C-alpha atoms as a PDB file:
ATOM      1  CA  MET A   1     175.112 101.001 158.782  1.00  0.00           C
ATOM      2  CA  PRO A   2     178.666  99.851 157.560  1.00  0.00           C
ATOM      3  CA  GLU A   3     181.376 102.435 157.536  1.00  0.00           C
ATOM      4  CA  ALA A   4     181.825 102.157 153.702  1.00  0.00           C
ATOM      5  CA  ALA A   5     178.091 102.918 153.122  1.00  0.00           C
ATOM      6  CA  THR A   6     178.300 105.973 155.419  1.00  0.00           C
ATOM      7  CA  ALA A   7     181.219 107.351 153.711  1.00  0.00           C
ATOM      8  CA  ASN A   8     179.787 106.873 150.247  1.00  0.00           C
ATOM      9  CA  PRO A   9     175.985 106.739 150.039  1.00  0.00           C
ATOM     10  CA  ARG A  10     176.173 105.144 146.625  1.00  0.00           C
ATOM     11  CA  ALA A  11     178.163 102.265 147.934  1.00  0.00           C
ATOM     12  CA  ASP A  12     174.965 100.539 149.139  1.00  0.00           C
ATOM     13  CA  CYS A  13     172.677 101.598 146.299  1.00  0.00           C
ATOM     14  CA  LEU A  14     170.253  99.272 144.551  1.00  0.00           C
ATOM     15  CA  MET A  15     171.422  98.075 141.126  1.00  0.00           C
ATOM     16  CA  THR A  16     169.534  96.483 138.161  1.00  0.00           C
ATOM     17  CA  ALA A  17     170.736  93.307 136.485  1.00  0.00           C
ATOM     18  CA  ASP A  18     172.065  95.362 133.578  1.00  0.00           C
ATOM     19  CA  GLU A  19     173.982  97.529 135.983  1.00  0.00           C
ATOM     20  CA  VAL A  20     175.463  94.450 137.879  1.00  0.00           C
ATOM     21  CA  ALA A  21     176.496  92.810 134.496  1.00  0.00           C
ATOM     22  CA  GLN A  22     178.317  95.886 133.376  1.00  0.00           C
ATOM     23  CA  TRP A  23     180.017  96.349 136.848  1.00  0.00           C
ATOM     24  CA  LEU A  24     181.113  92.558 136.786  1.00  0.00           C
ATOM     25  CA  LYS A  25     181.841  92.602 133.037  1.00  0.00           C
ATOM     26  CA  VAL A  26     179.500  89.632 132.399  1.00  0.00           C
ATOM     27  CA  THR A  27     176.322  89.404 130.451  1.00  0.00           C
ATOM     28  CA  PRO A  28     172.862  90.281 131.886  1.00  0.00           C
ATOM     29  CA  ALA A  29     171.807  86.655 131.048  1.00  0.00           C
ATOM     30  CA  TRP A  30     174.587  85.334 133.435  1.00  0.00           C
ATOM     31  CA  VAL A  31     173.273  87.628 136.151  1.00  0.00           C
ATOM     32  CA  TYR A  32     169.660  86.408 135.658  1.00  0.00           C
ATOM     33  CA  SER A  33     170.982  82.820 135.628  1.00  0.00           C
ATOM     34  CA  GLN A  34     172.753  83.193 138.884  1.00  0.00           C
ATOM     35  CA  THR A  35     169.623  84.865 140.489  1.00  0.00           C
ATOM     36  CA  ARG A  36     167.297  82.094 139.191  1.00  0.00           C
ATOM     37  CA  GLY A  37     169.635  79.610 140.825  1.00  0.00           C
ATOM     38  CA  HIS A  38     169.704  81.467 144.088  1.00  0.00           C
ATOM     39  CA  ARG A  39     173.555  81.705 143.848  1.00  0.00           C
ATOM     40  CA  MET A  40     173.692  85.514 143.927  1.00  0.00           C
ATOM     41  CA  PRO A  41     172.217  87.864 146.497  1.00  0.00           C
ATOM     42  CA  HIS A  42     169.308  89.674 145.353  1.00  0.00           C
ATOM     43  CA  MET A  43     165.900  90.972 146.241  1.00  0.00           C
ATOM     44  CA  ARG A  44     162.500  90.994 144.522  1.00  0.00           C
ATOM     45  CA  LEU A  45     160.514  94.232 144.444  1.00  0.00           C
ATOM     46  CA  GLY A  46     157.304  92.928 142.841  1.00  0.00           C
ATOM     47  CA  ARG A  47     158.325  91.714 139.476  1.00  0.00           C
ATOM     48  CA  TYR A  48     161.598  93.610 139.575  1.00  0.00           C
ATOM     49  CA  VAL A  49     164.913  92.072 140.629  1.00  0.00           C
ATOM     50  CA  ARG A  50     167.453  94.404 142.369  1.00  0.00           C
ATOM     51  CA  PHE A  51     170.916  93.867 143.848  1.00  0.00           C
ATOM     52  CA  ARG A  52     172.494  95.679 146.682  1.00  0.00           C
ATOM     53  CA  ARG A  53     176.051  96.484 145.905  1.00  0.00           C
ATOM     54  CA  SER A  54     177.336  95.946 149.434  1.00  0.00           C
ATOM     55  CA  ALA A  55     175.674  92.451 149.440  1.00  0.00           C
ATOM     56  CA  LEU A  56     177.387  91.662 146.041  1.00  0.00           C
ATOM     57  CA  GLU A  57     180.705  92.844 147.397  1.00  0.00           C
ATOM     58  CA  GLY A  58     180.426  90.629 150.449  1.00  0.00           C
ATOM     59  CA  TRP A  59     179.364  87.702 148.232  1.00  0.00           C
ATOM     60  CA  MET A  60     182.419  88.301 145.949  1.00  0.00           C
ATOM     61  CA  GLU A  61     184.725  88.379 149.003  1.00  0.00           C
ATOM     62  CA  GLU A  62     183.290  85.171 150.296  1.00  0.00           C
ATOM     63  CA  MET A  63     183.794  83.386 147.020  1.00  0.00           C
ATOM     64  CA  GLU A  64     187.416  84.662 146.837  1.00  0.00           C
ATOM     65  CA  ARG A  65     188.074  83.554 150.365  1.00  0.00           C
ATOM     66  CA  ALA A  66     186.545  80.127 149.646  1.00  0.00           C
ATOM     67  CA  SER A  67     188.646  79.703 146.517  1.00  0.00           C
ATOM     68  CA  THR A  68     191.903  80.097 148.435  1.00  0.00           C
ATOM     69  CA  LEU A  69     190.844  77.655 151.205  1.00  0.00           C
ATOM     70  CA  ARG A  70     190.338  74.646 149.010  1.00  0.00           C
ATOM     71  CA  SER A  71     192.864  71.764 149.549  1.00  0.00           C
ATOM     72  CA  PRO A  72     195.416  71.168 146.841  1.00  0.00           C
ATOM     73  CA  ARG A  73     194.929  68.051 144.840  1.00  0.00           C
ATOM     74  CA  VAL A  74     196.937  64.999 145.734  1.00  0.00           C
ATOM     75  CA  PRO A  75     198.065  62.933 142.727  1.00  0.00           C
END
């Protein structure tokens, strides 16, 4: 188990779409849209969708790294 999850058991908790939206300061509709497009890590538990906080943190770190690696535009 990752060190952060061991230090804080809530760091790897499962979250609902509403909780994710509140955490990311976006709308629940945006979270569901990203989920339907398979652009956000999630899991299905029957008819329910849940999000692992550690997976979302990794996803955001990856997006942040990718945004800094893009080549500058040449006029």
